[in-house]
Amino acid sequence: MTETLSAEDGATAAEPASSRGRSRDNHSSAIADLRRTGINPDFWYPVAVSASVRKKKTFAATFAGERIALYRGDSGTVYALEDRCAHRQVPLSMGVVDGDILRCCYHAWAYRGNGRISQIPYLPKGVARPPRGVRAYPVREAYGLVFVFPGDPAKADATALPELPEFDSAKHKTMTFSRTVHCHYSFMHENLLDMNHQFLHRGVVGKIQPKLLGYDTGPQSVEARYLFTHAGGKKNRGANLLAADGIGGSKSPDVITIRTAYPYQTLQLVPENAELPAFSLWVAYVPEDAEQRTNHVYGLLMIEKPPIPGAIHLAWPLIRRFTERVFAEDRMAVEAEQRAWDEQGEDWNHEVFPLILDVRNVLRTNGVPIRPESALCGAAALCARSPLAGAELPAPAGEYWMYQAVLTRLCSSGITLEPPAPPGPCTCHKGDQL
């Protein structure tokens, strides 16, 4: 239930009754540091723009430190394999596409799309049993993006891709974004959901007065509704066109709805007296490195076409330039937040906005621990005999990274870690264990 507090109550924002009494100070050891929480792999994540994965070519992608080799076969199908040859560990993304199989560039070992080895050209009879292959990821193409399912493959079929009806609508034109941002993915969710940062964009949109109309929180989502009013200053022409206000702009307020529905985020802008959004944004923040301190942003901005034929094509460069400027300013801010976290070694934020506390809780409770095995290979997370399984890492930042480096080196060498005593040496790099 959402309860809106009035100005007379001394409140500046609508606050769910369920959040009252919650600590407003996140600088507490009682609350797990969100920046040490990994993204849940049991969802579909974009790892490439479809156009980047060309026919008979490979593409090197990553998810949270796991290197993934994408390739498109003669049939046009895209496959996703763990990016290492089971033989000498050379990246398969350096390989050659042959029909619908992928050959390692070194000794021409051939892999099917399911990760199994189909041929070792020089293998004589009677030799030891070769490895079966490498991990294959469930993969789908949709909305001009290549999605993989990096978690439990048994859950892939039952997990839906995001639904974006505007993408295929003849009434809309879609702008695709693909950018790397050097920060933990949680900073991105906070940035978009907290619209009180419009001062950052004063040089692009002028003076904007955002008013929180209300918000709702659930176990996997937070949705906030704002009223945006332009109170002065020069507004970028691209912003006017994006909001369907025309080149000259309008002083009419807009209603903006932003939703974090784990793990994705959406934004819609509805002009005053309009029934449908002028544009809709869908975005995913995909961690690249094992520590998840860098993420790749994949965004789809679906813009309603104006009634004048061809007008959207004329407006497109102005809209693109505006969105790129806003994104650059947001990136500057969130990367500065990440640098502060790196220097301080923990989260010193003192958050005062209730809905941000709620979205942090959603990201924390739906996320997973960041484990160093993701820096090894795609099989490491599935290897039950890995000495990294279940290992608890020290909290201080300096010890954390030193311990992680030691663990990674030990695991890669097949050395058993004591304590705790594992059931056996790590086998995550042995293809015949898959």
Protein backbone atom coordinates (compact mmCIF):
# COMPACT_ATOMS: atom_id res chain seq x y z
CA MET A 1 0.00 0.00 0.00
CA THR A 2 1.24 3.47 -0.86
CA GLU A 3 0.49 6.42 1.37
CA THR A 4 1.10 9.98 0.14
CA LEU A 5 2.20 12.46 2.78
CA SER A 6 1.23 16.08 2.25
CA ALA A 7 3.47 19.13 2.53
CA GLU A 8 1.65 20.01 5.72
CA ASP A 9 2.98 16.81 7.24
CA GLY A 10 6.49 18.07 6.60
CA ALA A 11 7.13 15.40 4.00
CA THR A 12 8.78 15.98 0.66
CA ALA A 13 7.94 12.61 -0.86
CA ALA A 14 5.31 9.92 -0.92
CA GLU A 15 6.34 7.10 1.40
CA PRO A 16 4.93 3.60 1.75
CA ALA A 17 3.75 2.91 5.28
CA SER A 18 5.81 -0.29 5.26
CA SER A 19 9.06 1.71 5.13
CA ARG A 20 8.43 3.81 8.27
CA GLY A 21 10.78 3.15 11.10
CA ARG A 22 13.43 1.80 8.75
CA SER A 23 16.89 3.15 9.38
CA ARG A 24 17.77 6.04 7.07
CA ASP A 25 21.48 5.49 7.64
CA ASN A 26 23.03 2.86 5.41
CA HIS A 27 26.45 3.33 7.05
CA SER A 28 25.87 0.37 9.30
CA SER A 29 27.52 -3.01 9.59
CA ALA A 30 24.07 -4.53 10.22
CA ILE A 31 23.15 -3.98 6.55
CA ALA A 32 25.04 -5.89 3.89
CA ASP A 33 26.97 -3.67 1.50
CA LEU A 34 24.92 -3.59 -1.70
CA ARG A 35 28.04 -2.92 -3.77
CA ARG A 36 29.26 -6.40 -2.80
CA THR A 37 26.07 -8.02 -4.07
CA GLY A 38 26.19 -9.77 -7.42
CA ILE A 39 23.42 -9.74 -9.98
CA ASN A 40 21.26 -12.87 -10.09
CA PRO A 41 22.29 -14.96 -13.13
CA ASP A 42 18.91 -16.72 -13.41
CA PHE A 43 17.54 -14.17 -15.89
CA TRP A 44 18.02 -13.41 -19.58
CA TYR A 45 20.73 -10.78 -20.09
CA PRO A 46 21.77 -9.04 -23.32
CA VAL A 47 25.47 -9.48 -24.03
CA ALA A 48 25.67 -8.11 -27.57
CA VAL A 49 23.81 -6.15 -30.21
CA SER A 50 22.61 -8.62 -32.85
CA ALA A 51 24.24 -6.66 -35.67
CA SER A 52 27.63 -7.12 -33.95
CA VAL A 53 27.39 -10.91 -34.28
CA ARG A 54 27.81 -11.25 -38.03
CA LYS A 55 27.30 -14.41 -40.05
CA LYS A 56 30.28 -16.79 -39.92
CA LYS A 57 31.95 -14.52 -37.34
CA THR A 58 32.64 -14.72 -33.61
CA PHE A 59 32.07 -12.12 -30.91
CA ALA A 60 33.72 -12.03 -27.46
CA ALA A 61 31.20 -11.22 -24.72
CA THR A 62 31.34 -11.28 -20.93
CA PHE A 63 28.95 -11.69 -18.02
CA ALA A 64 30.26 -11.01 -14.50
CA GLY A 65 33.75 -12.23 -15.37
CA GLU A 66 32.59 -15.23 -17.40
CA ARG A 67 33.99 -15.02 -20.92
CA ILE A 68 31.45 -16.07 -23.55
CA ALA A 69 32.13 -16.75 -27.22
CA LEU A 70 29.19 -15.92 -29.47
CA TYR A 71 29.13 -17.03 -33.07
CA ARG A 72 26.59 -17.05 -35.90
CA GLY A 73 26.62 -20.13 -38.11
CA ASP A 74 25.67 -20.56 -41.75
CA SER A 75 22.08 -21.19 -40.68
CA GLY A 76 21.92 -17.72 -39.11
CA THR A 77 21.55 -19.16 -35.61
CA VAL A 78 23.58 -17.59 -32.82
CA TYR A 79 25.34 -19.88 -30.34
CA ALA A 80 26.99 -19.05 -27.00
CA LEU A 81 29.87 -21.12 -25.63
CA GLU A 82 32.26 -20.78 -22.76
CA ASP A 83 35.15 -18.83 -24.27
CA ARG A 84 37.96 -21.37 -23.93
CA CYS A 85 39.06 -24.45 -25.79
CA ALA A 86 39.03 -27.57 -23.61
CA HIS A 87 42.46 -28.42 -25.07
CA ARG A 88 44.86 -25.52 -24.42
CA GLN A 89 42.39 -22.95 -23.05
CA VAL A 90 42.79 -20.61 -26.03
CA PRO A 91 39.70 -18.37 -26.37
CA LEU A 92 37.17 -19.82 -28.79
CA SER A 93 36.23 -16.27 -29.76
CA MET A 94 39.52 -16.32 -31.69
CA GLY A 95 38.28 -19.30 -33.65
CA VAL A 96 36.82 -19.90 -37.11
CA VAL A 97 33.16 -20.56 -37.90
CA ASP A 98 32.79 -23.60 -40.16
CA GLY A 99 29.15 -24.17 -41.11
CA ASP A 100 27.40 -24.26 -37.73
CA ILE A 101 30.41 -25.43 -35.75
CA LEU A 102 33.23 -23.39 -34.22
CA ARG A 103 36.86 -24.42 -34.65
CA CYS A 104 39.56 -23.36 -32.24
CA CYS A 105 42.15 -21.26 -34.04
CA TYR A 106 45.02 -23.29 -32.54
CA HIS A 107 44.56 -27.02 -33.26
CA ALA A 108 41.18 -26.82 -35.06
CA TRP A 109 39.21 -28.69 -32.42
CA ALA A 110 35.59 -28.39 -33.53
CA TYR A 111 32.66 -27.53 -31.25
CA ARG A 112 28.96 -27.87 -31.88
CA GLY A 113 26.53 -25.21 -30.70
CA ASN A 114 25.79 -27.34 -27.62
CA GLY A 115 29.44 -27.13 -26.55
CA ARG A 116 30.31 -30.75 -27.37
CA ILE A 117 33.46 -31.50 -29.33
CA SER A 118 32.56 -32.90 -32.75
CA GLN A 119 36.04 -33.42 -34.17
CA ILE A 120 39.72 -33.48 -33.24
CA PRO A 121 41.30 -33.64 -36.71
CA TYR A 122 44.53 -35.41 -35.77
CA LEU A 123 43.27 -37.68 -32.94
CA PRO A 124 44.61 -41.25 -33.46
CA LYS A 125 42.72 -44.32 -32.36
CA GLY A 126 43.35 -45.81 -28.97
CA VAL A 127 44.34 -42.60 -27.18
CA ALA A 128 42.90 -41.52 -23.86
CA ARG A 129 39.28 -40.34 -23.87
CA PRO A 130 39.23 -36.64 -24.86
CA PRO A 131 37.16 -34.07 -22.99
CA ARG A 132 33.52 -33.79 -23.98
CA GLY A 133 33.57 -30.06 -24.53
CA VAL A 134 32.77 -26.77 -22.84
CA ARG A 135 29.71 -25.15 -21.36
CA ALA A 136 27.01 -23.91 -23.73
CA TYR A 137 24.66 -21.11 -22.68
CA PRO A 138 20.99 -20.90 -23.60
CA VAL A 139 20.75 -18.05 -26.10
CA ARG A 140 17.92 -16.08 -27.75
CA GLU A 141 17.70 -13.12 -30.08
CA ALA A 142 15.06 -10.46 -29.50
CA TYR A 143 14.69 -6.69 -29.94
CA GLY A 144 17.94 -6.50 -31.90
CA LEU A 145 19.92 -7.94 -28.98
CA VAL A 146 21.52 -11.29 -28.17
CA PHE A 147 20.38 -12.60 -24.78
CA VAL A 148 22.07 -15.40 -22.84
CA PHE A 149 20.96 -17.19 -19.68
CA PRO A 150 24.10 -17.42 -17.53
CA GLY A 151 22.41 -19.12 -14.56
CA ASP A 152 20.91 -22.57 -14.10
CA PRO A 153 20.10 -23.70 -17.68
CA ALA A 154 17.19 -25.78 -16.36
CA LYS A 155 15.41 -22.52 -15.51
CA ALA A 156 15.89 -20.87 -18.91
CA ASP A 157 12.74 -22.13 -20.65
CA ALA A 158 10.51 -21.10 -17.75
CA THR A 159 12.03 -17.62 -17.53
CA ALA A 160 10.45 -15.09 -19.87
CA LEU A 161 12.23 -12.46 -21.88
CA PRO A 162 11.07 -8.89 -21.21
CA GLU A 163 7.91 -7.90 -23.08
CA LEU A 164 8.34 -4.76 -25.20
CA PRO A 165 5.29 -4.35 -27.47
CA GLU A 166 6.37 -0.88 -28.62
CA PHE A 167 9.52 -2.32 -30.21
CA ASP A 168 7.55 -4.03 -32.98
CA SER A 169 4.92 -1.31 -33.29
CA ALA A 170 4.77 0.59 -36.59
CA LYS A 171 3.93 3.69 -34.53
CA HIS A 172 7.34 3.69 -32.85
CA LYS A 173 10.99 4.01 -33.83
CA THR A 174 13.64 2.50 -31.56
CA MET A 175 17.02 3.94 -30.62
CA THR A 176 19.49 1.34 -29.29
CA PHE A 177 22.18 2.14 -26.72
CA SER A 178 25.23 0.01 -25.90
CA ARG A 179 27.72 1.61 -23.53
CA THR A 180 30.19 0.54 -20.83
CA VAL A 181 29.99 2.31 -17.47
CA HIS A 182 32.60 1.80 -14.78
CA CYS A 183 30.40 1.27 -11.74
CA HIS A 184 28.42 -1.37 -9.90
CA TYR A 185 25.03 -1.95 -11.54
CA SER A 186 23.16 -0.79 -8.42
CA PHE A 187 24.36 2.79 -8.93
CA MET A 188 22.58 2.75 -12.31
CA HIS A 189 19.25 1.68 -10.80
CA GLU A 190 19.50 4.41 -8.17
CA ASN A 191 20.43 7.06 -10.72
CA LEU A 192 17.41 6.49 -12.96
CA LEU A 193 14.91 5.93 -10.17
CA ASP A 194 15.90 9.01 -8.16
CA MET A 195 14.79 11.92 -10.35
CA ASN A 196 15.83 14.50 -7.74
CA HIS A 197 19.19 14.78 -9.52
CA GLN A 198 17.92 17.03 -12.35
CA PHE A 199 20.31 19.76 -11.20
CA LEU A 200 23.00 17.61 -12.82
CA HIS A 201 21.30 18.15 -16.20
CA ARG A 202 20.63 21.89 -15.82
CA GLY A 203 22.70 22.72 -18.89
CA VAL A 204 20.58 20.40 -21.06
CA VAL A 205 17.02 20.62 -19.75
CA GLY A 206 17.05 23.93 -17.88
CA LYS A 207 15.43 24.10 -14.45
CA ILE A 208 13.22 21.07 -13.85
CA GLN A 209 11.08 20.70 -10.74
CA PRO A 210 10.41 16.99 -10.12
CA LYS A 211 7.62 16.11 -7.71
CA LEU A 212 7.21 12.57 -6.46
CA LEU A 213 3.51 11.69 -6.83
CA GLY A 214 3.84 8.29 -5.21
CA TYR A 215 5.51 4.92 -5.46
CA ASP A 216 4.91 1.24 -4.87
CA THR A 217 7.29 -1.41 -3.61
CA GLY A 218 7.15 -5.19 -3.94
CA PRO A 219 9.54 -8.10 -3.38
CA GLN A 220 11.07 -7.69 -6.86
CA SER A 221 10.10 -4.18 -7.90
CA VAL A 222 9.88 -0.48 -7.10
CA GLU A 223 7.79 1.87 -9.24
CA ALA A 224 7.87 5.66 -8.82
CA ARG A 225 5.73 8.35 -10.47
CA TYR A 226 6.97 11.91 -10.87
CA LEU A 227 5.47 15.14 -12.17
CA PHE A 228 8.07 17.07 -14.18
CA THR A 229 7.56 20.82 -14.53
CA HIS A 230 9.88 23.09 -16.51
CA ALA A 231 10.49 26.12 -14.29
CA GLY A 232 12.94 28.09 -16.41
CA GLY A 233 16.19 28.01 -18.31
CA LYS A 234 16.89 26.83 -21.82
CA LYS A 235 15.65 23.38 -22.75
CA ASN A 236 17.46 21.35 -25.39
CA ARG A 237 15.57 21.01 -28.69
CA GLY A 238 16.15 17.27 -28.64
CA ALA A 239 14.43 17.11 -25.23
CA ASN A 240 11.41 18.94 -26.66
CA LEU A 241 11.18 16.57 -29.61
CA LEU A 242 11.58 13.49 -27.43
CA ALA A 243 8.74 14.65 -25.18
CA ALA A 244 6.53 15.39 -28.23
CA ASP A 245 6.59 19.12 -27.44
CA GLY A 246 7.94 20.24 -30.82
CA ILE A 247 11.02 22.35 -31.51
CA GLY A 248 9.68 25.29 -29.50
CA GLY A 249 8.92 23.20 -26.45
CA SER A 250 6.09 23.44 -23.96
CA LYS A 251 5.69 24.43 -20.33
CA SER A 252 3.10 21.74 -19.75
CA PRO A 253 4.14 19.19 -17.12
CA ASP A 254 4.88 15.55 -17.91
CA VAL A 255 4.28 12.44 -15.84
CA ILE A 256 7.28 10.12 -15.71
CA THR A 257 6.97 6.56 -14.42
CA ILE A 258 10.13 4.65 -13.58
CA ARG A 259 10.16 1.00 -12.58
CA THR A 260 12.85 -1.34 -11.39
CA ALA A 261 11.45 -4.82 -12.06
CA TYR A 262 14.41 -7.00 -11.18
CA PRO A 263 16.79 -7.13 -12.94
CA TYR A 264 15.60 -4.65 -15.59
CA GLN A 265 14.48 -1.02 -15.49
CA THR A 266 11.92 0.95 -17.50
CA LEU A 267 10.89 4.59 -17.89
CA GLN A 268 7.84 6.11 -19.59
CA LEU A 269 6.99 9.76 -20.21
CA VAL A 270 3.36 10.77 -20.73
CA PRO A 271 2.74 14.44 -21.68
CA GLU A 272 -0.09 16.34 -19.99
CA ASN A 273 -3.50 15.49 -21.49
CA ALA A 274 -2.04 12.52 -23.39
CA GLU A 275 -3.14 8.93 -22.93
CA LEU A 276 -0.08 7.14 -24.32
CA PRO A 277 3.64 7.65 -23.59
CA ALA A 278 5.68 9.88 -25.87
CA PHE A 279 8.50 7.40 -25.34
CA SER A 280 9.35 4.27 -23.39
CA LEU A 281 12.81 3.19 -22.25
CA TRP A 282 13.89 -0.35 -21.38
CA VAL A 283 17.37 -0.87 -19.98
CA ALA A 284 19.54 -3.69 -18.61
CA TYR A 285 22.79 -3.28 -16.69
CA VAL A 286 25.02 -6.29 -17.32
CA PRO A 287 28.13 -6.71 -15.12
CA GLU A 288 31.27 -7.30 -17.14
CA ASP A 289 33.98 -8.09 -14.59
CA ALA A 290 34.03 -10.67 -11.80
CA GLU A 291 33.95 -7.97 -9.10
CA GLN A 292 30.95 -6.38 -10.91
CA ARG A 293 32.41 -2.90 -10.68
CA THR A 294 31.88 -2.34 -14.40
CA ASN A 295 28.61 -2.84 -16.25
CA HIS A 296 27.48 -2.70 -19.85
CA VAL A 297 24.30 -0.73 -20.43
CA TYR A 298 21.92 -2.01 -23.10
CA GLY A 299 19.03 0.38 -23.68
CA LEU A 300 16.07 0.50 -26.04
CA LEU A 301 14.41 3.91 -26.38
CA MET A 302 11.09 3.44 -28.19
CA ILE A 303 9.79 6.80 -29.43
CA GLU A 304 6.28 7.44 -30.72
CA LYS A 305 6.35 8.80 -34.25
CA PRO A 306 4.77 12.25 -34.78
CA PRO A 307 1.75 12.46 -37.13
CA ILE A 308 3.79 14.23 -39.83
CA PRO A 309 5.33 11.55 -42.13
CA GLY A 310 9.11 11.50 -42.02
CA ALA A 311 9.34 13.97 -39.13
CA ILE A 312 10.88 11.37 -36.82
CA HIS A 313 13.83 10.94 -39.20
CA LEU A 314 14.52 14.68 -39.19
CA ALA A 315 14.30 14.82 -35.40
CA TRP A 316 16.44 11.71 -34.87
CA PRO A 317 19.92 13.38 -34.81
CA LEU A 318 18.71 16.00 -32.31
CA ILE A 319 17.15 13.36 -30.06
CA ARG A 320 20.27 11.20 -30.25
CA ARG A 321 22.52 14.13 -29.36
CA PHE A 322 20.31 15.04 -26.38
CA THR A 323 20.18 11.51 -24.98
CA GLU A 324 23.94 11.08 -25.36
CA ARG A 325 24.56 14.29 -23.39
CA VAL A 326 22.25 13.23 -20.58
CA PHE A 327 23.82 9.76 -20.47
CA ALA A 328 27.34 11.26 -20.37
CA GLU A 329 26.41 13.40 -17.35
CA ASP A 330 24.82 10.45 -15.55
CA ARG A 331 27.88 8.30 -16.29
CA MET A 332 30.15 10.98 -14.84
CA ALA A 333 28.15 10.96 -11.60
CA VAL A 334 27.82 7.18 -11.09
CA GLU A 335 31.48 6.56 -11.93
CA ALA A 336 32.41 9.17 -9.32
CA GLU A 337 30.26 7.25 -6.81
CA GLN A 338 32.11 4.05 -7.66
CA ARG A 339 35.50 5.72 -7.24
CA ALA A 340 34.42 6.93 -3.79
CA TRP A 341 33.40 3.39 -2.84
CA ASP A 342 36.74 2.07 -4.10
CA GLU A 343 38.66 4.60 -2.01
CA GLN A 344 36.58 4.10 1.14
CA GLY A 345 36.34 0.32 0.87
CA GLU A 346 32.69 0.27 1.88
CA ASP A 347 29.42 2.15 1.39
CA TRP A 348 29.48 5.45 3.30
CA ASN A 349 26.24 6.69 1.74
CA HIS A 350 23.69 8.30 4.05
CA GLU A 351 20.56 7.95 1.96
CA VAL A 352 17.52 10.09 2.87
CA PHE A 353 15.12 9.25 0.03
CA PRO A 354 12.84 6.37 1.12
CA LEU A 355 12.28 4.85 -2.31
CA ILE A 356 16.03 4.51 -2.87
CA LEU A 357 16.28 2.59 0.38
CA ASP A 358 13.54 0.34 -0.96
CA VAL A 359 15.19 -0.27 -4.32
CA ARG A 360 18.43 -1.06 -2.54
CA ASN A 361 16.57 -3.67 -0.54
CA VAL A 362 15.08 -5.15 -3.74
CA LEU A 363 18.52 -5.35 -5.38
CA ARG A 364 20.10 -6.80 -2.24
CA THR A 365 17.48 -9.48 -1.56
CA ASN A 366 17.22 -10.61 -5.19
CA GLY A 367 20.96 -10.58 -5.80
CA VAL A 368 23.60 -13.22 -5.06
CA PRO A 369 27.02 -13.12 -3.36
CA ILE A 370 29.89 -12.05 -5.58
CA ARG A 371 32.18 -15.06 -5.84
CA PRO A 372 35.65 -15.11 -7.36
CA GLU A 373 35.02 -18.30 -9.35
CA SER A 374 33.20 -16.23 -11.97
CA ALA A 375 36.61 -14.89 -12.98
CA LEU A 376 37.72 -18.35 -14.03
CA CYS A 377 35.41 -19.91 -16.55
CA GLY A 378 31.79 -20.62 -17.25
CA ALA A 379 32.09 -24.07 -15.69
CA ALA A 380 33.45 -22.84 -12.39
CA ALA A 381 30.10 -21.75 -11.03
CA LEU A 382 28.70 -25.22 -11.80
CA CYS A 383 31.63 -27.24 -10.47
CA ALA A 384 30.41 -28.70 -7.16
CA ARG A 385 33.95 -29.82 -6.24
CA SER A 386 35.44 -26.34 -6.53
CA PRO A 387 37.15 -25.21 -3.28
CA LEU A 388 35.49 -21.86 -3.85
CA ALA A 389 31.99 -23.25 -3.34
CA GLY A 390 30.47 -21.75 -0.24
CA ALA A 391 33.63 -19.89 0.77
CA GLU A 392 32.99 -16.75 2.79
CA LEU A 393 35.15 -13.77 1.91
CA PRO A 394 36.49 -11.23 4.40
CA ALA A 395 34.59 -7.95 4.45
CA PRO A 396 37.45 -5.35 4.40
CA ALA A 397 38.21 -4.31 0.84
CA GLY A 398 41.96 -4.84 0.98
CA GLU A 399 41.70 -8.35 2.41
CA TYR A 400 38.84 -9.16 0.04
CA TRP A 401 40.79 -8.58 -3.17
CA MET A 402 43.98 -10.17 -1.85
CA TYR A 403 42.05 -13.25 -0.72
CA GLN A 404 40.22 -13.42 -4.03
CA ALA A 405 43.48 -13.36 -5.98
CA VAL A 406 44.90 -16.17 -3.85
CA LEU A 407 41.75 -18.25 -4.25
CA THR A 408 41.72 -17.78 -8.01
CA ARG A 409 45.34 -18.84 -8.36
CA LEU A 410 44.88 -21.88 -6.12
CA CYS A 411 41.77 -22.99 -7.98
CA SER A 412 43.39 -22.56 -11.38
CA SER A 413 46.29 -24.73 -10.23
CA GLY A 414 44.04 -27.48 -8.90
CA ILE A 415 45.29 -26.99 -5.34
CA THR A 416 42.95 -27.85 -2.49
CA LEU A 417 42.25 -25.00 -0.09
CA GLU A 418 42.53 -25.65 3.66
CA PRO A 419 40.42 -24.83 5.59
CA PRO A 420 37.61 -25.50 4.78
CA ALA A 421 38.40 -28.96 3.43
CA PRO A 422 36.70 -29.45 0.06
CA PRO A 423 35.61 -32.87 -1.17
CA GLY A 424 38.29 -32.80 -3.87
CA PRO A 425 40.43 -30.56 -6.07
CA CYS A 426 38.83 -27.99 -8.32
CA THR A 427 37.93 -29.44 -11.69
CA CYS A 428 36.30 -26.40 -13.23
CA HIS A 429 38.81 -26.23 -16.08
CA LYS A 430 38.43 -29.89 -17.12
CA GLY A 431 36.00 -30.12 -20.01
CA ASP A 432 35.15 -33.80 -19.37
CA GLN A 433 33.57 -32.79 -16.05
CA LEU A 434 30.79 -30.79 -17.73
